[in-house]
Amino acid sequence: FERFDNIWCHGDFSELTAHDGVIIYGRSDATLNPG
């Protein structure tokens, strides 16, 4: 609950799709940040 007040932040790097489905791209703490 530290990242966003009163909201559970799970730590997954994700996307909501046009089908209302979900894609998980990996853990947020392992996300790469080149440039």
Full PDB file with SEQRES, HELIX, SHEET, SSBOND, CRYST1, ORIGX, SCALE, CONECT and MASTER records, all heavy atoms in Angstrom:
SEQRES   1 A   35  PHE GLU ARG PHE ASP ASN ILE TRP CYS HIS GLY ASP PHE          
SEQRES   2 A   35  SER GLU LEU THR ALA HIS ASP GLY VAL ILE ILE TYR GLY          
SEQRES   3 A   35  ARG SER ASP ALA THR LEU ASN PRO GLY                          
HELIX    1 AA1 SER A   28  ALA A   30  5                                   3    
SHEET    1 AA1 2 ASP A  12  LEU A  16  0                                        
SHEET    2 AA1 2 VAL A  22  ARG A  27 -1                                        
CRYST1    1.000    1.000    1.000  90.00  90.00  90.00 P 1           1          
ORIGX1      1.000000  0.000000  0.000000        0.00000                         
ORIGX2      0.000000  1.000000  0.000000        0.00000                         
ORIGX3      0.000000  0.000000  1.000000        0.00000                         
SCALE1      1.000000  0.000000  0.000000        0.00000                         
SCALE2      0.000000  1.000000  0.000000        0.00000                         
SCALE3      0.000000  0.000000  1.000000        0.00000                         
ATOM      1  N   PHE A   1       0.800  -1.230   0.000  1.00  0.00           N  
ATOM      2  CA  PHE A   1       0.000   0.000   0.000  1.00  0.00           C  
ATOM      3  C   PHE A   1       0.832   1.279   0.000  1.00  0.00           C  
ATOM      4  O   PHE A   1       0.278   2.364   0.139  1.00  0.00           O  
ATOM      5  CB  PHE A   1      -0.936  -0.004   1.222  1.00  0.00           C  
ATOM      6  CG  PHE A   1      -1.827  -1.208   1.272  1.00  0.00           C  
ATOM      7  CD1 PHE A   1      -1.564  -2.252   2.152  1.00  0.00           C  
ATOM      8  CD2 PHE A   1      -2.914  -1.321   0.425  1.00  0.00           C  
ATOM      9  CE1 PHE A   1      -2.371  -3.374   2.197  1.00  0.00           C  
ATOM     10  CE2 PHE A   1      -3.727  -2.438   0.460  1.00  0.00           C  
ATOM     11  CZ  PHE A   1      -3.458  -3.466   1.343  1.00  0.00           C  
ATOM     12  N   GLU A   2       2.153   1.144  -0.176  1.00  0.00           N  
ATOM     13  CA  GLU A   2       3.005   2.332  -0.153  1.00  0.00           C  
ATOM     14  C   GLU A   2       2.973   3.085  -1.472  1.00  0.00           C  
ATOM     15  O   GLU A   2       3.047   4.318  -1.500  1.00  0.00           O  
ATOM     16  CB  GLU A   2       4.445   1.917   0.189  1.00  0.00           C  
ATOM     17  CG  GLU A   2       5.081   2.794   1.242  1.00  0.00           C  
ATOM     18  CD  GLU A   2       6.399   2.204   1.742  1.00  0.00           C  
ATOM     19  OE1 GLU A   2       7.194   1.707   0.905  1.00  0.00           O  
ATOM     20  OE2 GLU A   2       6.628   2.233   2.960  1.00  0.00           O  
ATOM     21  N   ARG A   3       2.850   2.368  -2.586  1.00  0.00           N  
ATOM     22  CA  ARG A   3       2.938   3.001  -3.906  1.00  0.00           C  
ATOM     23  C   ARG A   3       1.736   3.909  -4.170  1.00  0.00           C  
ATOM     24  O   ARG A   3       1.885   5.044  -4.621  1.00  0.00           O  
ATOM     25  CB  ARG A   3       3.036   1.908  -4.980  1.00  0.00           C  
ATOM     26  CG  ARG A   3       3.124   2.440  -6.412  1.00  0.00           C  
ATOM     27  CD  ARG A   3       4.493   3.005  -6.724  1.00  0.00           C  
ATOM     28  NE  ARG A   3       4.541   3.601  -8.027  1.00  0.00           N  
ATOM     29  CZ  ARG A   3       4.793   2.926  -9.155  1.00  0.00           C  
ATOM     30  NH1 ARG A   3       5.005   1.624  -9.115  1.00  0.00           N  
ATOM     31  NH2 ARG A   3       4.837   3.558 -10.307  1.00  0.00           N  
ATOM     32  N   PHE A   4       0.533   3.403  -3.909  1.00  0.00           N  
ATOM     33  CA  PHE A   4      -0.698   4.165  -4.119  1.00  0.00           C  
ATOM     34  C   PHE A   4      -1.536   4.080  -2.848  1.00  0.00           C  
ATOM     35  O   PHE A   4      -1.794   2.988  -2.349  1.00  0.00           O  
ATOM     36  CB  PHE A   4      -1.494   3.604  -5.308  1.00  0.00           C  
ATOM     37  CG  PHE A   4      -0.732   3.532  -6.597  1.00  0.00           C  
ATOM     38  CD1 PHE A   4      -0.388   2.309  -7.148  1.00  0.00           C  
ATOM     39  CD2 PHE A   4      -0.341   4.689  -7.259  1.00  0.00           C  
ATOM     40  CE1 PHE A   4       0.322   2.226  -8.338  1.00  0.00           C  
ATOM     41  CE2 PHE A   4       0.368   4.618  -8.449  1.00  0.00           C  
ATOM     42  CZ  PHE A   4       0.708   3.392  -8.991  1.00  0.00           C  
ATOM     43  N   ASP A   5      -1.973   5.214  -2.338  1.00  0.00           N  
ATOM     44  CA  ASP A   5      -2.700   5.264  -1.081  1.00  0.00           C  
ATOM     45  C   ASP A   5      -4.028   4.514  -1.182  1.00  0.00           C  
ATOM     46  O   ASP A   5      -4.813   4.721  -2.113  1.00  0.00           O  
ATOM     47  CB  ASP A   5      -2.970   6.727  -0.693  1.00  0.00           C  
ATOM     48  CG  ASP A   5      -3.648   6.836   0.664  1.00  0.00           C  
ATOM     49  OD1 ASP A   5      -3.185   6.176   1.615  1.00  0.00           O  
ATOM     50  OD2 ASP A   5      -4.662   7.562   0.762  1.00  0.00           O  
ATOM     51  N   ASN A   6      -4.278   3.614  -0.200  1.00  0.00           N  
ATOM     52  CA  ASN A   6      -5.550   2.904  -0.089  1.00  0.00           C  
ATOM     53  C   ASN A   6      -5.824   1.992  -1.287  1.00  0.00           C  
ATOM     54  O   ASN A   6      -6.969   1.635  -1.563  1.00  0.00           O  
ATOM     55  CB  ASN A   6      -6.716   3.892   0.082  1.00  0.00           C  
ATOM     56  CG  ASN A   6      -7.853   3.304   0.902  1.00  0.00           C  
ATOM     57  OD1 ASN A   6      -7.626   2.604   1.880  1.00  0.00           O  
ATOM     58  ND2 ASN A   6      -9.081   3.568   0.492  1.00  0.00           N  
ATOM     59  N   ILE A   7      -4.770   1.603  -1.987  1.00  0.00           N  
ATOM     60  CA  ILE A   7      -4.897   0.746  -3.172  1.00  0.00           C  
ATOM     61  C   ILE A   7      -3.810  -0.320  -3.101  1.00  0.00           C  
ATOM     62  O   ILE A   7      -2.650  -0.031  -2.809  1.00  0.00           O  
ATOM     63  CB  ILE A   7      -4.773   1.570  -4.468  1.00  0.00           C  
ATOM     64  CG1 ILE A   7      -6.069   2.373  -4.699  1.00  0.00           C  
ATOM     65  CG2 ILE A   7      -4.476   0.697  -5.676  1.00  0.00           C  
ATOM     66  CD1 ILE A   7      -5.991   3.355  -5.836  1.00  0.00           C  
ATOM     67  N   TRP A   8      -4.202  -1.558  -3.370  1.00  0.00           N  
ATOM     68  CA  TRP A   8      -3.252  -2.674  -3.398  1.00  0.00           C  
ATOM     69  C   TRP A   8      -2.447  -2.599  -4.689  1.00  0.00           C  
ATOM     70  O   TRP A   8      -3.006  -2.659  -5.783  1.00  0.00           O  
ATOM     71  CB  TRP A   8      -4.021  -3.992  -3.338  1.00  0.00           C  
ATOM     72  CG  TRP A   8      -3.170  -5.229  -3.427  1.00  0.00           C  
ATOM     73  CD1 TRP A   8      -2.517  -5.696  -4.527  1.00  0.00           C  
ATOM     74  CD2 TRP A   8      -2.914  -6.175  -2.384  1.00  0.00           C  
ATOM     75  NE1 TRP A   8      -1.863  -6.866  -4.249  1.00  0.00           N  
ATOM     76  CE2 TRP A   8      -2.088  -7.186  -2.931  1.00  0.00           C  
ATOM     77  CE3 TRP A   8      -3.301  -6.274  -1.048  1.00  0.00           C  
ATOM     78  CZ2 TRP A   8      -1.653  -8.275  -2.180  1.00  0.00           C  
ATOM     79  CZ3 TRP A   8      -2.858  -7.360  -0.302  1.00  0.00           C  
ATOM     80  CH2 TRP A   8      -2.046  -8.341  -0.854  1.00  0.00           C  
ATOM     81  N   CYS A   9      -1.135  -2.488  -4.576  1.00  0.00           N  
ATOM     82  CA  CYS A   9      -0.240  -2.524  -5.735  1.00  0.00           C  
ATOM     83  C   CYS A   9       0.503  -3.855  -5.690  1.00  0.00           C  
ATOM     84  O   CYS A   9       1.278  -4.119  -4.776  1.00  0.00           O  
ATOM     85  CB  CYS A   9       0.744  -1.358  -5.696  1.00  0.00           C  
ATOM     86  SG  CYS A   9       1.794  -1.255  -7.166  1.00  0.00           S  
ATOM     87  N   HIS A  10       0.243  -4.681  -6.705  1.00  0.00           N  
ATOM     88  CA  HIS A  10       0.675  -6.070  -6.630  1.00  0.00           C  
ATOM     89  C   HIS A  10       2.121  -6.289  -7.061  1.00  0.00           C  
ATOM     90  O   HIS A  10       2.719  -7.303  -6.703  1.00  0.00           O  
ATOM     91  CB  HIS A  10      -0.259  -6.937  -7.480  1.00  0.00           C  
ATOM     92  CG  HIS A  10      -0.083  -8.401  -7.227  1.00  0.00           C  
ATOM     93  ND1 HIS A  10      -0.162  -8.953  -5.953  1.00  0.00           N  
ATOM     94  CD2 HIS A  10       0.182  -9.436  -8.062  1.00  0.00           C  
ATOM     95  CE1 HIS A  10       0.025 -10.253  -6.029  1.00  0.00           C  
ATOM     96  NE2 HIS A  10       0.246 -10.580  -7.289  1.00  0.00           N  
ATOM     97  N   GLY A  11       2.663  -5.406  -7.873  1.00  0.00           N  
ATOM     98  CA  GLY A  11       4.040  -5.585  -8.304  1.00  0.00           C  
ATOM     99  C   GLY A  11       4.200  -6.329  -9.601  1.00  0.00           C  
ATOM    100  O   GLY A  11       5.286  -6.827  -9.908  1.00  0.00           O  
ATOM    101  N   ASP A  12       3.117  -6.418 -10.402  1.00  0.00           N  
ATOM    102  CA  ASP A  12       3.202  -7.027 -11.730  1.00  0.00           C  
ATOM    103  C   ASP A  12       3.103  -5.936 -12.793  1.00  0.00           C  
ATOM    104  O   ASP A  12       2.244  -5.053 -12.716  1.00  0.00           O  
ATOM    105  CB  ASP A  12       2.058  -8.034 -11.948  1.00  0.00           C  
ATOM    106  CG  ASP A  12       2.359  -9.405 -11.363  1.00  0.00           C  
ATOM    107  OD1 ASP A  12       3.533  -9.661 -11.039  1.00  0.00           O  
ATOM    108  OD2 ASP A  12       1.427 -10.215 -11.227  1.00  0.00           O  
ATOM    109  N   PHE A  13       3.961  -6.024 -13.790  1.00  0.00           N  
ATOM    110  CA  PHE A  13       3.968  -5.112 -14.934  1.00  0.00           C  
ATOM    111  C   PHE A  13       2.988  -5.687 -15.947  1.00  0.00           C  
ATOM    112  O   PHE A  13       3.205  -6.782 -16.483  1.00  0.00           O  
ATOM    113  CB  PHE A  13       5.390  -5.052 -15.491  1.00  0.00           C  
ATOM    114  CG  PHE A  13       5.653  -3.921 -16.444  1.00  0.00           C  
ATOM    115  CD1 PHE A  13       5.166  -2.651 -16.211  1.00  0.00           C  
ATOM    116  CD2 PHE A  13       6.428  -4.126 -17.575  1.00  0.00           C  
ATOM    117  CE1 PHE A  13       5.435  -1.607 -17.088  1.00  0.00           C  
ATOM    118  CE2 PHE A  13       6.707  -3.099 -18.454  1.00  0.00           C  
ATOM    119  CZ  PHE A  13       6.209  -1.835 -18.208  1.00  0.00           C  
ATOM    120  N   SER A  14       1.890  -4.980 -16.209  1.00  0.00           N  
ATOM    121  CA  SER A  14       0.735  -5.596 -16.865  1.00  0.00           C  
ATOM    122  C   SER A  14       0.082  -4.669 -17.875  1.00  0.00           C  
ATOM    123  O   SER A  14       0.425  -3.491 -17.981  1.00  0.00           O  
ATOM    124  CB  SER A  14      -0.311  -5.986 -15.799  1.00  0.00           C  
ATOM    125  OG  SER A  14       0.284  -6.721 -14.760  1.00  0.00           O  
ATOM    126  N   GLU A  15      -0.905  -5.242 -18.584  1.00  0.00           N  
ATOM    127  CA  GLU A  15      -1.681  -4.475 -19.563  1.00  0.00           C  
ATOM    128  C   GLU A  15      -3.097  -5.031 -19.642  1.00  0.00           C  
ATOM    129  O   GLU A  15      -3.290  -6.258 -19.667  1.00  0.00           O  
ATOM    130  CB  GLU A  15      -1.018  -4.568 -20.944  1.00  0.00           C  
ATOM    131  CG  GLU A  15      -1.785  -3.872 -22.052  1.00  0.00           C  
ATOM    132  CD  GLU A  15      -1.222  -4.164 -23.434  1.00  0.00           C  
ATOM    133  OE1 GLU A  15      -0.076  -4.648 -23.521  1.00  0.00           O  
ATOM    134  OE2 GLU A  15      -1.928  -3.915 -24.425  1.00  0.00           O  
ATOM    135  N   LEU A  16      -4.085  -4.146 -19.664  1.00  0.00           N  
ATOM    136  CA  LEU A  16      -5.468  -4.521 -19.950  1.00  0.00           C  
ATOM    137  C   LEU A  16      -5.683  -4.406 -21.448  1.00  0.00           C  
ATOM    138  O   LEU A  16      -5.384  -3.371 -22.047  1.00  0.00           O  
ATOM    139  CB  LEU A  16      -6.445  -3.598 -19.221  1.00  0.00           C  
ATOM    140  CG  LEU A  16      -6.815  -3.963 -17.791  1.00  0.00           C  
ATOM    141  CD1 LEU A  16      -7.619  -2.832 -17.161  1.00  0.00           C  
ATOM    142  CD2 LEU A  16      -7.613  -5.255 -17.763  1.00  0.00           C  
ATOM    143  N   THR A  17      -6.205  -5.451 -22.056  1.00  0.00           N  
ATOM    144  CA  THR A  17      -6.301  -5.495 -23.519  1.00  0.00           C  
ATOM    145  C   THR A  17      -7.676  -5.063 -24.013  1.00  0.00           C  
ATOM    146  O   THR A  17      -8.615  -4.865 -23.240  1.00  0.00           O  
ATOM    147  CB  THR A  17      -6.035  -6.921 -24.033  1.00  0.00           C  
ATOM    148  OG1 THR A  17      -7.175  -7.745 -23.742  1.00  0.00           O  
ATOM    149  CG2 THR A  17      -4.798  -7.522 -23.393  1.00  0.00           C  
ATOM    150  N   ALA A  18      -7.794  -4.978 -25.331  1.00  0.00           N  
ATOM    151  CA  ALA A  18      -9.062  -4.607 -25.960  1.00  0.00           C  
ATOM    152  C   ALA A  18     -10.145  -5.647 -25.702  1.00  0.00           C  
ATOM    153  O   ALA A  18     -11.343  -5.347 -25.793  1.00  0.00           O  
ATOM    154  CB  ALA A  18      -8.862  -4.434 -27.466  1.00  0.00           C  
ATOM    155  N   HIS A  19      -9.742  -6.891 -25.385  1.00  0.00           N  
ATOM    156  CA  HIS A  19     -10.715  -7.944 -25.090  1.00  0.00           C  
ATOM    157  C   HIS A  19     -11.115  -7.958 -23.623  1.00  0.00           C  
ATOM    158  O   HIS A  19     -11.842  -8.851 -23.195  1.00  0.00           O  
ATOM    159  CB  HIS A  19     -10.129  -9.327 -25.435  1.00  0.00           C  
ATOM    160  CG  HIS A  19      -9.679  -9.458 -26.851  1.00  0.00           C  
ATOM    161  ND1 HIS A  19      -8.398  -9.847 -27.189  1.00  0.00           N  
ATOM    162  CD2 HIS A  19     -10.319  -9.236 -28.023  1.00  0.00           C  
ATOM    163  CE1 HIS A  19      -8.289  -9.873 -28.507  1.00  0.00           C  
ATOM    164  NE2 HIS A  19      -9.433  -9.501 -29.033  1.00  0.00           N  
ATOM    165  N   ASP A  20     -10.619  -6.970 -22.857  1.00  0.00           N  
ATOM    166  CA  ASP A  20     -10.793  -6.936 -21.409  1.00  0.00           C  
ATOM    167  C   ASP A  20     -10.054  -8.092 -20.749  1.00  0.00           C  
ATOM    168  O   ASP A  20     -10.402  -8.528 -19.647  1.00  0.00           O  
ATOM    169  CB  ASP A  20     -12.269  -6.953 -21.001  1.00  0.00           C  
ATOM    170  CG  ASP A  20     -12.499  -6.199 -19.692  1.00  0.00           C  
ATOM    171  OD1 ASP A  20     -11.682  -5.316 -19.376  1.00  0.00           O  
ATOM    172  OD2 ASP A  20     -13.479  -6.513 -18.998  1.00  0.00           O  
ATOM    173  N   GLY A  21      -9.054  -8.603 -21.464  1.00  0.00           N  
ATOM    174  CA  GLY A  21      -8.152  -9.586 -20.893  1.00  0.00           C  
ATOM    175  C   GLY A  21      -6.932  -8.889 -20.313  1.00  0.00           C  
ATOM    176  O   GLY A  21      -6.854  -7.656 -20.256  1.00  0.00           O  
ATOM    177  N   VAL A  22      -5.969  -9.682 -19.883  1.00  0.00           N  
ATOM    178  CA  VAL A  22      -4.789  -9.138 -19.210  1.00  0.00           C  
ATOM    179  C   VAL A  22      -3.541  -9.835 -19.739  1.00  0.00           C  
ATOM    180  O   VAL A  22      -3.550 -11.042 -19.993  1.00  0.00           O  
ATOM    181  CB  VAL A  22      -4.886  -9.331 -17.678  1.00  0.00           C  
ATOM    182  CG1 VAL A  22      -3.642  -8.779 -16.984  1.00  0.00           C  
ATOM    183  CG2 VAL A  22      -6.141  -8.655 -17.129  1.00  0.00           C  
ATOM    184  N   ILE A  23      -2.479  -9.052 -19.918  1.00  0.00           N  
ATOM    185  CA  ILE A  23      -1.158  -9.595 -20.238  1.00  0.00           C  
ATOM    186  C   ILE A  23      -0.219  -9.223 -19.097  1.00  0.00           C  
ATOM    187  O   ILE A  23      -0.200  -8.061 -18.661  1.00  0.00           O  
ATOM    188  CB  ILE A  23      -0.618  -9.033 -21.564  1.00  0.00           C  
ATOM    189  CG1 ILE A  23      -1.540  -9.437 -22.723  1.00  0.00           C  
ATOM    190  CG2 ILE A  23       0.800  -9.536 -21.821  1.00  0.00           C  
ATOM    191  CD1 ILE A  23      -1.243  -8.705 -24.005  1.00  0.00           C  
ATOM    192  N   ILE A  24       0.528 -10.191 -18.584  1.00  0.00           N  
ATOM    193  CA  ILE A  24       1.537  -9.950 -17.551  1.00  0.00           C  
ATOM    194  C   ILE A  24       2.905  -9.979 -18.225  1.00  0.00           C  
ATOM    195  O   ILE A  24       3.251 -10.947 -18.899  1.00  0.00           O  
ATOM    196  CB  ILE A  24       1.479 -11.014 -16.439  1.00  0.00           C  
ATOM    197  CG1 ILE A  24       0.062 -11.133 -15.859  1.00  0.00           C  
ATOM    198  CG2 ILE A  24       2.489 -10.685 -15.354  1.00  0.00           C  
ATOM    199  CD1 ILE A  24      -0.408  -9.977 -15.043  1.00  0.00           C  
ATOM    200  N   TYR A  25       3.666  -8.920 -18.032  1.00  0.00           N  
ATOM    201  CA  TYR A  25       4.990  -8.808 -18.668  1.00  0.00           C  
ATOM    202  C   TYR A  25       6.136  -9.153 -17.724  1.00  0.00           C  
ATOM    203  O   TYR A  25       7.299  -9.105 -18.131  1.00  0.00           O  
ATOM    204  CB  TYR A  25       5.187  -7.395 -19.207  1.00  0.00           C  
ATOM    205  CG  TYR A  25       4.288  -7.070 -20.380  1.00  0.00           C  
ATOM    206  CD1 TYR A  25       3.119  -6.340 -20.204  1.00  0.00           C  
ATOM    207  CD2 TYR A  25       4.591  -7.513 -21.656  1.00  0.00           C  
ATOM    208  CE1 TYR A  25       2.285  -6.043 -21.280  1.00  0.00           C  
ATOM    209  CE2 TYR A  25       3.771  -7.232 -22.735  1.00  0.00           C  
ATOM    210  CZ  TYR A  25       2.612  -6.491 -22.536  1.00  0.00           C  
ATOM    211  OH  TYR A  25       1.795  -6.218 -23.606  1.00  0.00           O  
ATOM    212  N   GLY A  26       5.818  -9.493 -16.493  1.00  0.00           N  
ATOM    213  CA  GLY A  26       6.861  -9.832 -15.528  1.00  0.00           C  
ATOM    214  C   GLY A  26       6.694  -9.020 -14.257  1.00  0.00           C  
ATOM    215  O   GLY A  26       5.798  -8.177 -14.136  1.00  0.00           O  
ATOM    216  N   ARG A  27       7.564  -9.300 -13.297  1.00  0.00           N  
ATOM    217  CA  ARG A  27       7.511  -8.572 -12.039  1.00  0.00           C  
ATOM    218  C   ARG A  27       8.024  -7.145 -12.240  1.00  0.00           C  
ATOM    219  O   ARG A  27       9.005  -6.908 -12.943  1.00  0.00           O  
ATOM    220  CB  ARG A  27       8.364  -9.280 -10.992  1.00  0.00           C  
ATOM    221  CG  ARG A  27       7.818 -10.617 -10.552  1.00  0.00           C  
ATOM    222  CD  ARG A  27       6.511 -10.470  -9.799  1.00  0.00           C  
ATOM    223  NE  ARG A  27       6.662  -9.723  -8.554  1.00  0.00           N  
ATOM    224  CZ  ARG A  27       5.637  -9.285  -7.829  1.00  0.00           C  
ATOM    225  NH1 ARG A  27       4.394  -9.477  -8.243  1.00  0.00           N  
ATOM    226  NH2 ARG A  27       5.850  -8.630  -6.705  1.00  0.00           N  
ATOM    227  N   SER A  28       7.364  -6.188 -11.579  1.00  0.00           N  
ATOM    228  CA  SER A  28       7.757  -4.784 -11.727  1.00  0.00           C  
ATOM    229  C   SER A  28       9.172  -4.543 -11.227  1.00  0.00           C  
ATOM    230  O   SER A  28       9.914  -3.744 -11.806  1.00  0.00           O  
ATOM    231  CB  SER A  28       6.777  -3.886 -10.958  1.00  0.00           C  
ATOM    232  OG  SER A  28       5.473  -4.016 -11.469  1.00  0.00           O  
ATOM    233  N   ASP A  29       9.559  -5.246 -10.146  1.00  0.00           N  
ATOM    234  CA  ASP A  29      10.897  -4.998  -9.598  1.00  0.00           C  
ATOM    235  C   ASP A  29      11.989  -5.609 -10.466  1.00  0.00           C  
ATOM    236  O   ASP A  29      13.168  -5.323 -10.279  1.00  0.00           O  
ATOM    237  CB  ASP A  29      11.015  -5.492  -8.154  1.00  0.00           C  
ATOM    238  CG  ASP A  29      10.588  -6.936  -7.970  1.00  0.00           C  
ATOM    239  OD1 ASP A  29      10.394  -7.647  -8.982  1.00  0.00           O  
ATOM    240  OD2 ASP A  29      10.447  -7.363  -6.812  1.00  0.00           O  
ATOM    241  N   ALA A  30      11.611  -6.461 -11.444  1.00  0.00           N  
ATOM    242  CA  ALA A  30      12.590  -7.009 -12.384  1.00  0.00           C  
ATOM    243  C   ALA A  30      12.521  -6.325 -13.746  1.00  0.00           C  
ATOM    244  O   ALA A  30      13.269  -6.681 -14.659  1.00  0.00           O  
ATOM    245  CB  ALA A  30      12.371  -8.505 -12.556  1.00  0.00           C  
ATOM    246  N   THR A  31      11.633  -5.338 -13.876  1.00  0.00           N  
ATOM    247  CA  THR A  31      11.481  -4.643 -15.150  1.00  0.00           C  
ATOM    248  C   THR A  31      12.783  -3.960 -15.543  1.00  0.00           C  
ATOM    249  O   THR A  31      13.476  -3.373 -14.707  1.00  0.00           O  
ATOM    250  CB  THR A  31      10.345  -3.599 -15.040  1.00  0.00           C  
ATOM    251  OG1 THR A  31       9.138  -4.285 -14.744  1.00  0.00           O  
ATOM    252  CG2 THR A  31      10.182  -2.825 -16.319  1.00  0.00           C  
ATOM    253  N   LEU A  32      13.102  -4.032 -16.823  1.00  0.00           N  
ATOM    254  CA  LEU A  32      14.318  -3.414 -17.352  1.00  0.00           C  
ATOM    255  C   LEU A  32      14.034  -1.961 -17.726  1.00  0.00           C  
ATOM    256  O   LEU A  32      12.932  -1.617 -18.147  1.00  0.00           O  
ATOM    257  CB  LEU A  32      14.806  -4.183 -18.577  1.00  0.00           C  
ATOM    258  CG  LEU A  32      14.938  -5.700 -18.394  1.00  0.00           C  
ATOM    259  CD1 LEU A  32      15.209  -6.380 -19.721  1.00  0.00           C  
ATOM    260  CD2 LEU A  32      16.029  -6.019 -17.386  1.00  0.00           C  
ATOM    261  N   ASN A  33      15.066  -1.120 -17.584  1.00  0.00           N  
ATOM    262  CA  ASN A  33      14.881   0.303 -17.868  1.00  0.00           C  
ATOM    263  C   ASN A  33      16.008   0.876 -18.718  1.00  0.00           C  
ATOM    264  O   ASN A  33      16.583   1.905 -18.378  1.00  0.00           O  
ATOM    265  CB  ASN A  33      14.812   1.092 -16.554  1.00  0.00           C  
ATOM    266  CG  ASN A  33      13.393   1.464 -16.189  1.00  0.00           C  
ATOM    267  OD1 ASN A  33      12.640   1.963 -17.021  1.00  0.00           O  
ATOM    268  ND2 ASN A  33      13.030   1.197 -14.950  1.00  0.00           N  
ATOM    269  N   PRO A  34      16.363   0.282 -19.848  1.00  0.00           N  
ATOM    270  CA  PRO A  34      17.433   0.866 -20.668  1.00  0.00           C  
ATOM    271  C   PRO A  34      16.992   2.195 -21.275  1.00  0.00           C  
ATOM    272  O   PRO A  34      15.948   2.266 -21.931  1.00  0.00           O  
ATOM    273  CB  PRO A  34      17.661  -0.198 -21.743  1.00  0.00           C  
ATOM    274  CG  PRO A  34      16.353  -0.910 -21.851  1.00  0.00           C  
ATOM    275  CD  PRO A  34      15.773  -0.912 -20.469  1.00  0.00           C  
ATOM    276  N   GLY A  35      17.741   3.212 -21.022  1.00  0.00           N  
ATOM    277  CA  GLY A  35      17.398   4.531 -21.571  1.00  0.00           C  
ATOM    278  C   GLY A  35      16.099   5.081 -21.037  1.00  0.00           C  
ATOM    279  O   GLY A  35      15.470   5.947 -21.660  1.00  0.00           O  
TER     280      GLY A  35                                                      
MASTER        0    0    0    1    2    0    0    6  279    1    0    3          
END                                                                             
